PDB file of N, CA and C in Angstrom:
ATOM      1  N   UNK A   1      19.162 -16.700  11.905  1.00  0.00           N
ATOM      2  CA  UNK A   1      17.991 -16.383  11.095  1.00  0.00           C
ATOM      3  C   UNK A   1      18.425 -15.504   9.934  1.00  0.00           C
ATOM      4  N   UNK A   2      18.240 -15.989   8.721  1.00  0.00           N
ATOM      5  CA  UNK A   2      18.618 -15.253   7.521  1.00  0.00           C
ATOM      6  C   UNK A   2      17.399 -14.522   6.980  1.00  0.00           C
ATOM      7  N   UNK A   3      17.471 -13.182   6.921  1.00  0.00           N
ATOM      8  CA  UNK A   3      16.354 -12.374   6.457  1.00  0.00           C
ATOM      9  C   UNK A   3      16.588 -11.935   5.016  1.00  0.00           C
ATOM     10  N   UNK A   4      15.504 -11.811   4.238  1.00  0.00           N
ATOM     11  CA  UNK A   4      15.658 -11.251   2.892  1.00  0.00           C
ATOM     12  C   UNK A   4      16.149  -9.804   2.966  1.00  0.00           C
ATOM     13  N   UNK A   5      16.754  -9.352   1.913  1.00  0.00           N
ATOM     14  CA  UNK A   5      17.342  -8.011   1.892  1.00  0.00           C
ATOM     15  C   UNK A   5      16.282  -6.927   2.122  1.00  0.00           C
ATOM     16  N   UNK A   6      15.037  -7.153   1.647  1.00  0.00           N
ATOM     17  CA  UNK A   6      13.996  -6.140   1.786  1.00  0.00           C
ATOM     18  C   UNK A   6      13.508  -6.018   3.226  1.00  0.00           C
ATOM     19  N   UNK A   7      13.658  -7.056   4.033  1.00  0.00           N
ATOM     20  CA  UNK A   7      13.114  -7.055   5.391  1.00  0.00           C
ATOM     21  C   UNK A   7      14.071  -6.460   6.412  1.00  0.00           C
ATOM     22  N   UNK A   8      15.335  -6.295   6.068  1.00  0.00           N
ATOM     23  CA  UNK A   8      16.310  -5.826   7.054  1.00  0.00           C
ATOM     24  C   UNK A   8      16.009  -4.428   7.585  1.00  0.00           C
ATOM     25  N   UNK A   9      15.711  -3.430   6.743  1.00  0.00           N
ATOM     26  CA  UNK A   9      15.394  -2.114   7.312  1.00  0.00           C
ATOM     27  C   UNK A   9      14.168  -2.152   8.204  1.00  0.00           C
ATOM     28  N   UNK A  10      13.204  -2.975   7.830  1.00  0.00           N
ATOM     29  CA  UNK A  10      11.996  -3.097   8.631  1.00  0.00           C
ATOM     30  C   UNK A  10      12.306  -3.696   9.992  1.00  0.00           C
ATOM     31  N   UNK A  11      13.173  -4.716  10.036  1.00  0.00           N
ATOM     32  CA  UNK A  11      13.549  -5.335  11.307  1.00  0.00           C
ATOM     33  C   UNK A  11      14.310  -4.354  12.185  1.00  0.00           C
ATOM     34  N   UNK A  12      15.188  -3.561  11.570  1.00  0.00           N
ATOM     35  CA  UNK A  12      15.908  -2.555  12.345  1.00  0.00           C
ATOM     36  C   UNK A  12      14.940  -1.530  12.922  1.00  0.00           C
ATOM     37  N   UNK A  13      13.955  -1.142  12.117  1.00  0.00           N
ATOM     38  CA  UNK A  13      12.956  -0.184  12.589  1.00  0.00           C
ATOM     39  C   UNK A  13      12.142  -0.758  13.744  1.00  0.00           C
ATOM     40  N   UNK A  14      11.706  -2.007  13.602  1.00  0.00           N
ATOM     41  CA  UNK A  14      10.917  -2.626  14.669  1.00  0.00           C
ATOM     42  C   UNK A  14      11.733  -2.800  15.951  1.00  0.00           C
ATOM     43  N   UNK A  15      13.014  -3.132  15.812  1.00  0.00           N
ATOM     44  CA  UNK A  15      13.865  -3.264  17.003  1.00  0.00           C
ATOM     45  C   UNK A  15      14.068  -1.918  17.682  1.00  0.00           C
ATOM     46  N   UNK A  16      14.288  -0.873  16.902  1.00  0.00           N
ATOM     47  CA  UNK A  16      14.444   0.456  17.481  1.00  0.00           C
ATOM     48  C   UNK A  16      13.152   0.909  18.145  1.00  0.00           C
ATOM     49  N   UNK A  17      12.033   0.589  17.528  1.00  0.00           N
ATOM     50  CA  UNK A  17      10.737   0.923  18.118  1.00  0.00           C
ATOM     51  C   UNK A  17      10.531   0.196  19.434  1.00  0.00           C
ATOM     52  N   UNK A  18      10.915  -1.065  19.475  1.00  0.00           N
ATOM     53  CA  UNK A  18      10.760  -1.844  20.701  1.00  0.00           C
ATOM     54  C   UNK A  18      11.653  -1.301  21.812  1.00  0.00           C
ATOM     55  N   UNK A  19      12.880  -0.896  21.474  1.00  0.00           N
ATOM     56  CA  UNK A  19      13.779  -0.351  22.495  1.00  0.00           C
ATOM     57  C   UNK A  19      13.258   0.971  23.038  1.00  0.00           C
ATOM     58  N   UNK A  20      12.718   1.795  22.151  1.00  0.00           N
ATOM     59  CA  UNK A  20      12.193   3.085  22.599  1.00  0.00           C
ATOM     60  C   UNK A  20      10.951   2.905  23.454  1.00  0.00           C
ATOM     61  N   UNK A  21      10.124   1.944  23.098  1.00  0.00           N
ATOM     62  CA  UNK A  21       8.897   1.740  23.855  1.00  0.00           C
ATOM     63  C   UNK A  21       9.155   1.014  25.162  1.00  0.00           C
ATOM     64  N   UNK A  22      10.233   0.241  25.231  1.00  0.00           N
ATOM     65  CA  UNK A  22      10.514  -0.525  26.444  1.00  0.00           C
ATOM     66  C   UNK A  22      10.828   0.385  27.614  1.00  0.00           C
ATOM     67  N   UNK A  23      11.295   1.569  27.341  1.00  0.00           N
ATOM     68  CA  UNK A  23      11.612   2.506  28.412  1.00  0.00           C
ATOM     69  C   UNK A  23      10.355   3.006  29.112  1.00  0.00           C
ATOM     70  N   UNK A  24       9.267   3.119  28.384  1.00  0.00           N
ATOM     71  CA  UNK A  24       8.065   3.715  28.952  1.00  0.00           C
ATOM     72  C   UNK A  24       6.934   2.724  29.182  1.00  0.00           C
ATOM     73  N   UNK A  25       6.994   1.559  28.559  1.00  0.00           N
ATOM     74  CA  UNK A  25       5.892   0.610  28.671  1.00  0.00           C
ATOM     75  C   UNK A  25       6.371  -0.690  29.287  1.00  0.00           C
ATOM     76  N   UNK A  26       5.442  -1.446  29.735  1.00  0.00           N
ATOM     77  CA  UNK A  26       5.761  -2.778  30.227  1.00  0.00           C
ATOM     78  C   UNK A  26       6.029  -3.708  29.056  1.00  0.00           C
ATOM     79  N   UNK A  27       6.605  -4.845  29.349  1.00  0.00           N
ATOM     80  CA  UNK A  27       6.995  -5.788  28.305  1.00  0.00           C
ATOM     81  C   UNK A  27       5.782  -6.317  27.541  1.00  0.00           C
ATOM     82  N   UNK A  28       4.681  -6.518  28.225  1.00  0.00           N
ATOM     83  CA  UNK A  28       3.485  -7.042  27.562  1.00  0.00           C
ATOM     84  C   UNK A  28       2.933  -6.038  26.542  1.00  0.00           C
ATOM     85  N   UNK A  29       2.958  -4.768  26.903  1.00  0.00           N
ATOM     86  CA  UNK A  29       2.475  -3.754  25.975  1.00  0.00           C
ATOM     87  C   UNK A  29       3.398  -3.626  24.773  1.00  0.00           C
ATOM     88  N   UNK A  30       4.706  -3.765  25.007  1.00  0.00           N
ATOM     89  CA  UNK A  30       5.649  -3.710  23.902  1.00  0.00           C
ATOM     90  C   UNK A  30       5.394  -4.867  22.944  1.00  0.00           C
ATOM     91  N   UNK A  31       5.168  -6.050  23.490  1.00  0.00           N
ATOM     92  CA  UNK A  31       4.887  -7.213  22.656  1.00  0.00           C
ATOM     93  C   UNK A  31       3.605  -7.015  21.845  1.00  0.00           C
ATOM     94  N   UNK A  32       2.586  -6.450  22.476  1.00  0.00           N
ATOM     95  CA  UNK A  32       1.337  -6.181  21.751  1.00  0.00           C
ATOM     96  C   UNK A  32       1.565  -5.210  20.604  1.00  0.00           C
ATOM     97  N   UNK A  33       2.351  -4.164  20.861  1.00  0.00           N
ATOM     98  CA  UNK A  33       2.607  -3.182  19.812  1.00  0.00           C
ATOM     99  C   UNK A  33       3.401  -3.793  18.664  1.00  0.00           C
ATOM    100  N   UNK A  34       4.367  -4.650  18.975  1.00  0.00           N
ATOM    101  CA  UNK A  34       5.133  -5.299  17.926  1.00  0.00           C
ATOM    102  C   UNK A  34       4.278  -6.253  17.105  1.00  0.00           C
ATOM    103  N   UNK A  35       3.398  -6.971  17.773  1.00  0.00           N
ATOM    104  CA  UNK A  35       2.497  -7.877  17.050  1.00  0.00           C
ATOM    105  C   UNK A  35       1.551  -7.075  16.164  1.00  0.00           C
ATOM    106  N   UNK A  36       1.063  -5.942  16.673  1.00  0.00           N
ATOM    107  CA  UNK A  36       0.189  -5.083  15.876  1.00  0.00           C
ATOM    108  C   UNK A  36       0.931  -4.525  14.665  1.00  0.00           C
ATOM    109  N   UNK A  37       2.178  -4.088  14.866  1.00  0.00           N
ATOM    110  CA  UNK A  37       2.967  -3.557  13.745  1.00  0.00           C
ATOM    111  C   UNK A  37       3.223  -4.641  12.703  1.00  0.00           C
ATOM    112  N   UNK A  38       3.544  -5.848  13.155  1.00  0.00           N
ATOM    113  CA  UNK A  38       3.784  -6.943  12.220  1.00  0.00           C
ATOM    114  C   UNK A  38       2.510  -7.304  11.459  1.00  0.00           C
ATOM    115  N   UNK A  39       1.366  -7.270  12.138  1.00  0.00           N
ATOM    116  CA  UNK A  39       0.090  -7.566  11.486  1.00  0.00           C
ATOM    117  C   UNK A  39      -0.242  -6.510  10.436  1.00  0.00           C
ATOM    118  N   UNK A  40       0.003  -5.247  10.767  1.00  0.00           N
ATOM    119  CA  UNK A  40      -0.256  -4.178   9.807  1.00  0.00           C
ATOM    120  C   UNK A  40       0.641  -4.309   8.574  1.00  0.00           C
ATOM    121  N   UNK A  41       1.901  -4.670   8.795  1.00  0.00           N
ATOM    122  CA  UNK A  41       2.807  -4.847   7.656  1.00  0.00           C
ATOM    123  C   UNK A  41       2.409  -6.039   6.806  1.00  0.00           C
ATOM    124  N   UNK A  42       1.931  -7.085   7.440  1.00  0.00           N
ATOM    125  CA  UNK A  42       1.466  -8.243   6.692  1.00  0.00           C
ATOM    126  C   UNK A  42       0.239  -7.899   5.856  1.00  0.00           C
ATOM    127  N   UNK A  43      -0.680  -7.138   6.451  1.00  0.00           N
ATOM    128  CA  UNK A  43      -1.871  -6.714   5.705  1.00  0.00           C
ATOM    129  C   UNK A  43      -1.479  -5.806   4.546  1.00  0.00           C
ATOM    130  N   UNK A  44      -0.507  -4.926   4.774  1.00  0.00           N
ATOM    131  CA  UNK A  44      -0.057  -4.037   3.703  1.00  0.00           C
ATOM    132  C   UNK A  44       0.593  -4.813   2.572  1.00  0.00           C
ATOM    133  N   UNK A  45       1.252  -5.915   2.892  1.00  0.00           N
ATOM    134  CA  UNK A  45       1.871  -6.707   1.828  1.00  0.00           C
ATOM    135  C   UNK A  45       0.813  -7.380   0.956  1.00  0.00           C
ATOM    136  N   UNK A  46      -0.330  -7.736   1.535  1.00  0.00           N
ATOM    137  CA  UNK A  46      -1.400  -8.310   0.722  1.00  0.00           C
ATOM    138  C   UNK A  46      -2.054  -7.257  -0.158  1.00  0.00           C
ATOM    139  N   UNK A  47      -2.210  -6.042   0.361  1.00  0.00           N
ATOM    140  CA  UNK A  47      -2.800  -4.966  -0.425  1.00  0.00           C
ATOM    141  C   UNK A  47      -1.857  -4.575  -1.554  1.00  0.00           C
ATOM    142  N   UNK A  48      -0.549  -4.606  -1.290  1.00  0.00           N
ATOM    143  CA  UNK A  48       0.427  -4.207  -2.302  1.00  0.00           C
ATOM    144  C   UNK A  48       0.418  -5.156  -3.493  1.00  0.00           C
ATOM    145  N   UNK A  49      -0.031  -6.374  -3.323  1.00  0.00           N
ATOM    146  CA  UNK A  49      -0.053  -7.322  -4.433  1.00  0.00           C
ATOM    147  C   UNK A  49      -1.373  -7.279  -5.195  1.00  0.00           C
ATOM    148  N   UNK A  50      -2.201  -6.289  -4.958  1.00  0.00           N
ATOM    149  CA  UNK A  50      -3.504  -6.228  -5.613  1.00  0.00           C
ATOM    150  C   UNK A  50      -3.382  -5.923  -7.096  1.00  0.00           C
ATOM    151  N   UNK A  51      -2.280  -5.273  -7.520  1.00  0.00           N
ATOM    152  CA  UNK A  51      -2.140  -4.898  -8.915  1.00  0.00           C
ATOM    153  C   UNK A  51      -1.348  -5.912  -9.723  1.00  0.00           C
ATOM    154  N   UNK A  52      -0.975  -7.010  -9.136  1.00  0.00           N
ATOM    155  CA  UNK A  52      -0.222  -8.033  -9.850  1.00  0.00           C
ATOM    156  C   UNK A  52      -1.207  -8.913 -10.608  1.00  0.00           C
ATOM    157  N   UNK A  53      -0.975  -9.076 -11.886  1.00  0.00           N
ATOM    158  CA  UNK A  53      -1.880  -9.879 -12.706  1.00  0.00           C
ATOM    159  C   UNK A  53      -1.780 -11.344 -12.305  1.00  0.00           C
ATOM    160  N   UNK A  54      -2.864 -12.083 -12.411  1.00  0.00           N
ATOM    161  CA  UNK A  54      -2.808 -13.499 -12.072  1.00  0.00           C
ATOM    162  C   UNK A  54      -1.863 -14.246 -13.010  1.00  0.00           C
ATOM    163  N   UNK A  55      -1.193 -15.231 -12.467  1.00  0.00           N
ATOM    164  CA  UNK A  55      -0.252 -16.014 -13.263  1.00  0.00           C
ATOM    165  C   UNK A  55      -1.011 -17.029 -14.106  1.00  0.00           C
ATOM    166  N   UNK A  56      -0.614 -17.109 -15.336  1.00  0.00           N
ATOM    167  CA  UNK A  56      -1.233 -18.089 -16.216  1.00  0.00           C
ATOM    168  C   UNK A  56      -0.179 -19.107 -16.622  1.00  0.00           C
ATOM    169  N   UNK A  57      -0.632 -20.247 -17.017  1.00  0.00           N
ATOM    170  CA  UNK A  57       0.267 -21.310 -17.427  1.00  0.00           C
ATOM    171  C   UNK A  57       0.469 -21.243 -18.941  1.00  0.00           C
ATOM    172  N   UNK A  58       0.725 -20.046 -19.469  1.00  0.00           N
ATOM    173  CA  UNK A  58       0.901 -19.860 -20.900  1.00  0.00           C
ATOM    174  C   UNK A  58       2.259 -20.402 -21.325  1.00  0.00           C
ATOM    175  N   UNK A  59       2.337 -20.896 -22.530  1.00  0.00           N
ATOM    176  CA  UNK A  59       3.629 -21.396 -23.012  1.00  0.00           C
ATOM    177  C   UNK A  59       4.608 -20.253 -23.229  1.00  0.00           C
ATOM    178  N   UNK A  60       5.872 -20.525 -22.970  1.00  0.00           N
ATOM    179  CA  UNK A  60       6.923 -19.525 -23.168  1.00  0.00           C
ATOM    180  C   UNK A  60       7.462 -19.631 -24.591  1.00  0.00           C
ATOM    181  N   UNK A  61       7.944 -18.532 -25.084  1.00  0.00           N
ATOM    182  CA  UNK A  61       8.580 -18.569 -26.403  1.00  0.00           C
ATOM    183  C   UNK A  61       7.882 -17.668 -27.392  1.00  0.00           C
ATOM    184  N   UNK A  62       7.598 -18.192 -28.582  1.00  0.00           N
ATOM    185  CA  UNK A  62       7.054 -17.387 -29.667  1.00  0.00           C
ATOM    186  C   UNK A  62       5.654 -16.880 -29.353  1.00  0.00           C
ATOM    187  N   UNK A  63       4.844 -17.676 -28.646  1.00  0.00           N
ATOM    188  CA  UNK A  63       3.483 -17.244 -28.321  1.00  0.00           C
ATOM    189  C   UNK A  63       3.504 -16.037 -27.390  1.00  0.00           C
ATOM    190  N   UNK A  64       4.484 -15.995 -26.494  1.00  0.00           N
ATOM    191  CA  UNK A  64       4.595 -14.850 -25.589  1.00  0.00           C
ATOM    192  C   UNK A  64       5.037 -13.624 -26.361  1.00  0.00           C
ATOM    193  N   UNK A  65       5.905 -13.784 -27.322  1.00  0.00           N
ATOM    194  CA  UNK A  65       6.379 -12.656 -28.104  1.00  0.00           C
ATOM    195  C   UNK A  65       5.254 -12.048 -28.932  1.00  0.00           C
ATOM    196  N   UNK A  66       4.333 -12.859 -29.384  1.00  0.00           N
ATOM    197  CA  UNK A  66       3.215 -12.325 -30.141  1.00  0.00           C
ATOM    198  C   UNK A  66       2.291 -11.510 -29.251  1.00  0.00           C
ATOM    199  N   UNK A  67       2.116 -11.893 -27.984  1.00  0.00           N
ATOM    200  CA  UNK A  67       1.255 -11.161 -27.064  1.00  0.00           C
ATOM    201  C   UNK A  67       1.978 -10.031 -26.352  1.00  0.00           C
ATOM    202  N   UNK A  68       3.258  -9.819 -26.627  1.00  0.00           N
ATOM    203  CA  UNK A  68       4.019  -8.815 -25.905  1.00  0.00           C
ATOM    204  C   UNK A  68       3.733  -7.397 -26.374  1.00  0.00           C
ATOM    205  N   UNK A  69       2.951  -7.217 -27.400  1.00  0.00           N
ATOM    206  CA  UNK A  69       2.630  -5.888 -27.892  1.00  0.00           C
ATOM    207  C   UNK A  69       1.652  -5.176 -26.973  1.00  0.00           C
ATOM    208  N   UNK A  70       1.114  -4.069 -27.435  1.00  0.00           N
ATOM    209  CA  UNK A  70       0.202  -3.297 -26.621  1.00  0.00           C
ATOM    210  C   UNK A  70      -1.259  -3.559 -26.926  1.00  0.00           C
ATOM    211  N   UNK A  71      -1.552  -4.644 -27.614  1.00  0.00           N
ATOM    212  CA  UNK A  71      -2.937  -4.906 -27.999  1.00  0.00           C
ATOM    213  C   UNK A  71      -3.750  -5.407 -26.812  1.00  0.00           C
ATOM    214  N   UNK A  72      -5.043  -5.387 -26.983  1.00  0.00           N
ATOM    215  CA  UNK A  72      -5.976  -5.817 -25.940  1.00  0.00           C
ATOM    216  C   UNK A  72      -5.848  -7.316 -25.717  1.00  0.00           C
ATOM    217  N   UNK A  73      -5.670  -7.711 -24.457  1.00  0.00           N
ATOM    218  CA  UNK A  73      -5.482  -9.129 -24.133  1.00  0.00           C
ATOM    219  C   UNK A  73      -6.701  -9.753 -23.478  1.00  0.00           C
ATOM    220  N   UNK A  74      -7.714  -8.948 -23.166  1.00  0.00           N
ATOM    221  CA  UNK A  74      -8.908  -9.493 -22.536  1.00  0.00           C
ATOM    222  C   UNK A  74      -8.847  -9.513 -21.023  1.00  0.00           C
ATOM    223  N   UNK A  75      -7.737  -9.031 -20.429  1.00  0.00           N
ATOM    224  CA  UNK A  75      -7.615  -9.024 -18.966  1.00  0.00           C
ATOM    225  C   UNK A  75      -8.440  -7.899 -18.379  1.00  0.00           C
ATOM    226  N   UNK A  76      -9.340  -8.251 -17.453  1.00  0.00           N
ATOM    227  CA  UNK A  76     -10.154  -7.282 -16.733  1.00  0.00           C
ATOM    228  C   UNK A  76      -9.860  -7.460 -15.245  1.00  0.00           C
ATOM    229  N   UNK A  77      -9.503  -6.378 -14.534  1.00  0.00           N
ATOM    230  CA  UNK A  77      -9.212  -6.522 -13.103  1.00  0.00           C
ATOM    231  C   UNK A  77     -10.453  -6.973 -12.334  1.00  0.00           C
ATOM    232  N   UNK A  78     -10.237  -7.748 -11.281  1.00  0.00           N
ATOM    233  CA  UNK A  78     -11.368  -8.194 -10.478  1.00  0.00           C
ATOM    234  C   UNK A  78     -11.877  -7.036  -9.617  1.00  0.00           C
ATOM    235  N   UNK A  79     -12.961  -7.280  -8.874  1.00  0.00           N
ATOM    236  CA  UNK A  79     -13.629  -6.209  -8.139  1.00  0.00           C
ATOM    237  C   UNK A  79     -12.734  -5.606  -7.064  1.00  0.00           C
ATOM    238  N   UNK A  80     -11.915  -6.417  -6.398  1.00  0.00           N
ATOM    239  CA  UNK A  80     -11.035  -5.894  -5.344  1.00  0.00           C
ATOM    240  C   UNK A  80     -10.029  -4.909  -5.941  1.00  0.00           C
ATOM    241  N   UNK A  81      -9.464  -5.247  -7.056  1.00  0.00           N
ATOM    242  CA  UNK A  81      -8.497  -4.343  -7.695  1.00  0.00           C
ATOM    243  C   UNK A  81      -9.175  -3.075  -8.181  1.00  0.00           C
ATOM    244  N   UNK A  82     -10.353  -3.219  -8.750  1.00  0.00           N
ATOM    245  CA  UNK A  82     -11.067  -2.045  -9.240  1.00  0.00           C
ATOM    246  C   UNK A  82     -11.440  -1.110  -8.093  1.00  0.00           C
ATOM    247  N   UNK A  83     -11.885  -1.665  -6.972  1.00  0.00           N
ATOM    248  CA  UNK A  83     -12.215  -0.832  -5.821  1.00  0.00           C
ATOM    249  C   UNK A  83     -10.977  -0.131  -5.275  1.00  0.00           C
ATOM    250  N   UNK A  84      -9.857  -0.841  -5.226  1.00  0.00           N
ATOM    251  CA  UNK A  84      -8.631  -0.228  -4.733  1.00  0.00           C
ATOM    252  C   UNK A  84      -8.172   0.888  -5.672  1.00  0.00           C
ATOM    253  N   UNK A  85      -8.252   0.660  -6.969  1.00  0.00           N
ATOM    254  CA  UNK A  85      -7.874   1.702  -7.922  1.00  0.00           C
ATOM    255  C   UNK A  85      -8.795   2.910  -7.795  1.00  0.00           C
ATOM    256  N   UNK A  86     -10.098   2.679  -7.623  1.00  0.00           N
ATOM    257  CA  UNK A  86     -11.034   3.792  -7.438  1.00  0.00           C
ATOM    258  C   UNK A  86     -10.728   4.559  -6.165  1.00  0.00           C
ATOM    259  N   UNK A  87     -10.391   3.847  -5.089  1.00  0.00           N
ATOM    260  CA  UNK A  87     -10.054   4.512  -3.838  1.00  0.00           C
ATOM    261  C   UNK A  87      -8.804   5.375  -3.996  1.00  0.00           C
ATOM    262  N   UNK A  88      -7.801   4.867  -4.693  1.00  0.00           N
ATOM    263  CA  UNK A  88      -6.573   5.628  -4.906  1.00  0.00           C
ATOM    264  C   UNK A  88      -6.859   6.885  -5.718  1.00  0.00           C
ATOM    265  N   UNK A  89      -7.685   6.770  -6.749  1.00  0.00           N
ATOM    266  CA  UNK A  89      -8.013   7.930  -7.578  1.00  0.00           C
ATOM    267  C   UNK A  89      -8.788   8.974  -6.771  1.00  0.00           C
ATOM    268  N   UNK A  90      -9.783   8.539  -6.006  1.00  0.00           N
ATOM    269  CA  UNK A  90     -10.589   9.483  -5.229  1.00  0.00           C
ATOM    270  C   UNK A  90      -9.757  10.134  -4.137  1.00  0.00           C
ATOM    271  N   UNK A  91      -8.947   9.346  -3.428  1.00  0.00           N
ATOM    272  CA  UNK A  91      -8.150   9.903  -2.338  1.00  0.00           C
ATOM    273  C   UNK A  91      -7.087  10.864  -2.854  1.00  0.00           C
ATOM    274  N   UNK A  92      -6.473  10.547  -3.994  1.00  0.00           N
ATOM    275  CA  UNK A  92      -5.427  11.430  -4.504  1.00  0.00           C
ATOM    276  C   UNK A  92      -5.999  12.696  -5.134  1.00  0.00           C
ATOM    277  N   UNK A  93      -7.205  12.654  -5.642  1.00  0.00           N
ATOM    278  CA  UNK A  93      -7.787  13.863  -6.213  1.00  0.00           C
ATOM    279  C   UNK A  93      -8.584  14.667  -5.193  1.00  0.00           C
ATOM    280  N   UNK A  94      -8.938  14.079  -4.057  1.00  0.00           N
ATOM    281  CA  UNK A  94      -9.727  14.801  -3.058  1.00  0.00           C
ATOM    282  C   UNK A  94      -8.914  15.899  -2.387  1.00  0.00           C
ATOM    283  N   UNK A  95      -7.630  15.690  -2.185  1.00  0.00           N
ATOM    284  CA  UNK A  95      -6.809  16.686  -1.484  1.00  0.00           C
ATOM    285  C   UNK A  95      -6.722  17.992  -2.274  1.00  0.00           C
ATOM    286  N   UNK A  96      -6.320  17.990  -3.543  1.00  0.00           N
ATOM    287  CA  UNK A  96      -6.279  19.276  -4.245  1.00  0.00           C
ATOM    288  C   UNK A  96      -7.659  19.900  -4.446  1.00  0.00           C
ATOM    289  N   UNK A  97      -8.679  19.078  -4.639  1.00  0.00           N
ATOM    290  CA  UNK A  97     -10.026  19.627  -4.802  1.00  0.00           C
ATOM    291  C   UNK A  97     -10.473  20.327  -3.530  1.00  0.00           C
ATOM    292  N   UNK A  98     -10.232  19.714  -2.375  1.00  0.00           N
ATOM    293  CA  UNK A  98     -10.618  20.342  -1.109  1.00  0.00           C
ATOM    294  C   UNK A  98      -9.808  21.608  -0.835  1.00  0.00           C
ATOM    295  N   UNK A  99      -8.542  21.620  -1.216  1.00  0.00           N
ATOM    296  CA  UNK A  99      -7.734  22.826  -1.035  1.00  0.00           C
ATOM    297  C   UNK A  99      -8.273  23.961  -1.898  1.00  0.00           C
ATOM    298  N   UNK A 100      -8.613  23.652  -3.151  1.00  0.00           N
ATOM    299  CA  UNK A 100      -9.155  24.692  -4.032  1.00  0.00           C
ATOM    300  C   UNK A 100     -10.514  25.186  -3.546  1.00  0.00           C
ATOM    301  N   UNK A 101     -11.379  24.275  -3.125  1.00  0.00           N
ATOM    302  CA  UNK A 101     -12.681  24.697  -2.603  1.00  0.00           C
ATOM    303  C   UNK A 101     -12.531  25.491  -1.315  1.00  0.00           C
ATOM    304  N   UNK A 102     -11.579  25.106  -0.488  1.00  0.00           N
ATOM    305  CA  UNK A 102     -11.340  25.851   0.752  1.00  0.00           C
ATOM    306  C   UNK A 102     -10.863  27.263   0.478  1.00  0.00           C
ATOM    307  N   UNK A 103      -9.966  27.419  -0.493  1.00  0.00           N
ATOM    308  CA  UNK A 103      -9.506  28.762  -0.853  1.00  0.00           C
ATOM    309  C   UNK A 103     -10.622  29.608  -1.447  1.00  0.00           C
ATOM    310  N   UNK A 104     -11.466  28.977  -2.238  1.00  0.00           N
ATOM    311  CA  UNK A 104     -12.609  29.686  -2.816  1.00  0.00           C
ATOM    312  C   UNK A 104     -13.572  30.139  -1.722  1.00  0.00           C
ATOM    313  N   UNK A 105     -13.880  29.252  -0.781  1.00  0.00           N
ATOM    314  CA  UNK A 105     -14.778  29.605   0.326  1.00  0.00           C
ATOM    315  C   UNK A 105     -14.134  30.640   1.238  1.00  0.00           C
ATOM    316  N   UNK A 106     -12.815  30.557   1.420  1.00  0.00           N
ATOM    317  CA  UNK A 106     -12.115  31.509   2.290  1.00  0.00           C
ATOM    318  C   UNK A 106     -12.214  32.931   1.713  1.00  0.00           C
ATOM    319  N   UNK A 107     -12.232  33.051   0.382  1.00  0.00           N
ATOM    320  CA  UNK A 107     -12.328  34.354  -0.264  1.00  0.00           C
ATOM    321  C   UNK A 107     -13.699  34.986  -0.002  1.00  0.00           C
ATOM    322  N   UNK A 108     -14.777  34.188  -0.114  1.00  0.00           N
ATOM    323  CA  UNK A 108     -16.112  34.726   0.053  1.00  0.00           C
ATOM    324  C   UNK A 108     -16.557  34.781   1.510  1.00  0.00           C
ATOM    325  N   UNK A 109     -16.013  33.945   2.354  1.00  0.00           N
ATOM    326  CA  UNK A 109     -16.364  33.921   3.779  1.00  0.00           C
ATOM    327  C   UNK A 109     -15.085  34.022   4.622  1.00  0.00           C
ATOM    328  N   UNK A 110     -14.455  35.190   4.654  1.00  0.00           N
ATOM    329  CA  UNK A 110     -13.182  35.308   5.395  1.00  0.00           C
ATOM    330  C   UNK A 110     -13.441  35.232   6.908  1.00  0.00           C
ATOM    331  N   UNK A 111     -12.413  34.822   7.670  1.00  0.00           N
ATOM    332  CA  UNK A 111     -12.597  34.803   9.125  1.00  0.00           C
ATOM    333  C   UNK A 111     -12.688  36.226   9.646  1.00  0.00           C
ATOM    334  N   UNK A 112     -13.550  36.419  10.615  1.00  0.00           N
ATOM    335  CA  UNK A 112     -13.766  37.787  11.143  1.00  0.00           C
ATOM    336  C   UNK A 112     -13.007  37.979  12.420  1.00  0.00           C
TER     337      UNK A 112
END
């Protein structure tokens, strides 16, 4: 079985995980965990492709060079991409905001 270069570390990780779990779990539970891990990785691979622009059958050559600038091309992300981008923005900004609000509240309401 020939694996792509990107999948080799993942396969090593899954094999090490299976060996570690085999000591404490039955074979059926190990198989379930491996199937769950593979399913999660497959789902993550679909989410990771959310920011890839759809492929168009545009001609190659001079027409591509004219559109290679930074001008507006009319591409608008679909709803799934927009929701994912909004989630990333909210999740990444929520952590520092909550830390700052927590420090502010800790100053006015210290633990007794």
